[in-house]
Amino acid sequence: MQHMDVYSVSRQEYKAFVDEIKPECRDVQEFELSYYSKATKIFSKKTGKCLCSRVSFEQRVEGEERHPEMYYIFEMPDDDERRAQIPKTKVILETPEQVQKFFDGLKKLREEFKSD
């Protein structure tokens, strides 16, 4: 059995991968792994191969920290099962001043758009 760590990816990588798979080409199934964990697997409808999986955990004991979700990519879908990835921009605002400037900018853009 191979180590799952080899296939482990971040949440963002997993989400981008899933977004590339055409909805009509994927079959999503859930599997109970244990009393407190389950796997959500995405299979190719065309080949039947498991393309990727997300493992989520329930809180076992009240007050105990919940185990973070784990994400895996196993196989690439065939080219005809994929769609072009939509570019996305991630903005990180670290200070209250940055947050305020961001919303001030949005407000200004909205006002300019309304006046056109």
Protein backbone atom coordinates (compact mmCIF):
# COMPACT_ATOMS: atom_id res chain seq x y z
CA MET A 1 0.00 0.00 0.00
CA GLN A 2 1.35 3.43 -0.94
CA HIS A 3 1.55 6.32 1.51
CA MET A 4 -1.39 8.69 1.20
CA ASP A 5 0.98 11.61 1.89
CA VAL A 6 2.21 11.28 -1.69
CA TYR A 7 -1.22 12.37 -2.92
CA SER A 8 -1.90 14.99 -0.23
CA VAL A 9 -2.66 18.55 -1.42
CA SER A 10 -3.86 21.80 0.13
CA ARG A 11 -7.53 22.77 0.27
CA GLN A 12 -6.97 25.40 -2.44
CA GLU A 13 -5.26 22.91 -4.77
CA TYR A 14 -8.05 20.39 -4.20
CA LYS A 15 -10.78 22.96 -4.87
CA ALA A 16 -9.07 24.13 -8.09
CA PHE A 17 -8.74 20.50 -9.22
CA VAL A 18 -12.42 19.72 -8.55
CA ASP A 19 -13.49 22.93 -10.32
CA GLU A 20 -11.67 21.71 -13.47
CA ILE A 21 -13.71 18.49 -13.67
CA LYS A 22 -16.90 18.97 -15.67
CA PRO A 23 -19.88 18.36 -13.34
CA GLU A 24 -21.50 15.97 -15.81
CA CYS A 25 -18.31 13.85 -15.88
CA ARG A 26 -17.99 13.20 -12.16
CA ASP A 27 -19.68 10.86 -9.74
CA VAL A 28 -19.48 11.91 -6.06
CA GLN A 29 -19.80 9.24 -3.37
CA GLU A 30 -19.43 9.28 0.41
CA PHE A 31 -17.87 6.47 2.42
CA GLU A 32 -17.79 6.06 6.20
CA LEU A 33 -14.20 5.36 7.24
CA SER A 34 -14.77 5.16 10.98
CA TYR A 35 -17.23 6.31 13.62
CA TYR A 36 -15.92 9.88 13.31
CA SER A 37 -14.53 10.15 9.77
CA LYS A 38 -15.83 9.94 6.22
CA ALA A 39 -14.37 10.23 2.74
CA THR A 40 -16.02 12.09 -0.10
CA LYS A 41 -14.61 10.60 -3.30
CA ILE A 42 -14.98 11.86 -6.85
CA PHE A 43 -14.92 9.25 -9.60
CA SER A 44 -14.71 9.69 -13.36
CA LYS A 45 -18.00 8.58 -14.94
CA LYS A 46 -16.04 7.70 -18.07
CA THR A 47 -13.26 5.53 -16.59
CA GLY A 48 -14.57 4.74 -13.10
CA LYS A 49 -11.23 5.79 -11.60
CA CYS A 50 -11.16 7.61 -8.26
CA LEU A 51 -9.79 11.04 -9.16
CA CYS A 52 -9.66 12.65 -5.73
CA SER A 53 -10.90 12.44 -2.17
CA ARG A 54 -11.62 14.65 0.82
CA VAL A 55 -11.52 13.14 4.32
CA SER A 56 -13.47 14.94 7.02
CA PHE A 57 -13.64 14.27 10.74
CA GLU A 58 -16.34 14.74 13.36
CA GLN A 59 -15.49 15.99 16.83
CA ARG A 60 -15.14 12.86 18.98
CA VAL A 61 -15.18 14.40 22.45
CA GLU A 62 -16.85 17.63 23.58
CA GLY A 63 -14.23 20.37 23.76
CA GLU A 64 -11.64 18.40 21.81
CA GLU A 65 -10.10 20.15 18.82
CA ARG A 66 -11.50 18.83 15.56
CA HIS A 67 -9.01 17.21 13.17
CA PRO A 68 -8.58 19.29 9.99
CA GLU A 69 -9.88 17.94 6.69
CA MET A 70 -7.41 16.16 4.43
CA TYR A 71 -7.35 16.42 0.63
CA TYR A 72 -5.94 14.00 -1.95
CA ILE A 73 -5.56 13.91 -5.74
CA PHE A 74 -4.97 10.47 -7.27
CA GLU A 75 -5.58 10.68 -11.02
CA MET A 76 -5.99 13.37 -13.65
CA PRO A 77 -9.28 13.27 -15.56
CA ASP A 78 -9.15 12.72 -19.32
CA ASP A 79 -8.91 15.92 -21.38
CA ASP A 80 -12.54 15.69 -22.52
CA GLU A 81 -13.66 15.57 -18.85
CA ARG A 82 -11.92 18.85 -17.99
CA ARG A 83 -12.84 22.47 -18.45
CA ALA A 84 -10.60 25.51 -18.54
CA GLN A 85 -9.70 26.84 -15.15
CA ILE A 86 -11.13 30.26 -14.31
CA PRO A 87 -8.40 32.58 -12.99
CA LYS A 88 -9.09 33.82 -9.46
CA THR A 89 -7.49 36.51 -7.38
CA LYS A 90 -6.96 36.10 -3.67
CA VAL A 91 -6.78 39.27 -1.57
CA ILE A 92 -5.42 39.13 1.97
CA LEU A 93 -6.14 42.11 4.19
CA GLU A 94 -4.02 42.07 7.32
CA THR A 95 -4.79 45.34 9.12
CA PRO A 96 -7.97 47.27 9.94
CA GLU A 97 -6.67 50.10 7.75
CA GLN A 98 -6.33 47.79 4.75
CA VAL A 99 -9.85 46.49 5.32
CA GLN A 100 -11.24 50.02 5.50
CA LYS A 101 -9.39 51.10 2.33
CA PHE A 102 -10.68 48.02 0.52
CA PHE A 103 -14.31 48.77 1.40
CA ASP A 104 -13.85 52.47 0.64
CA GLY A 105 -12.57 51.47 -2.81
CA LEU A 106 -15.53 49.15 -3.38
CA LYS A 107 -17.93 51.90 -2.35
CA LYS A 108 -16.26 54.34 -4.75
CA LEU A 109 -16.44 51.82 -7.63
CA ARG A 110 -20.11 51.13 -6.89
CA GLU A 111 -20.90 54.88 -6.91
CA GLU A 112 -19.02 55.36 -10.19
CA PHE A 113 -20.84 52.39 -11.74
CA LYS A 114 -24.23 53.76 -10.69
CA SER A 115 -23.50 57.18 -12.22
CA ASP A 116 -22.66 55.67 -15.65
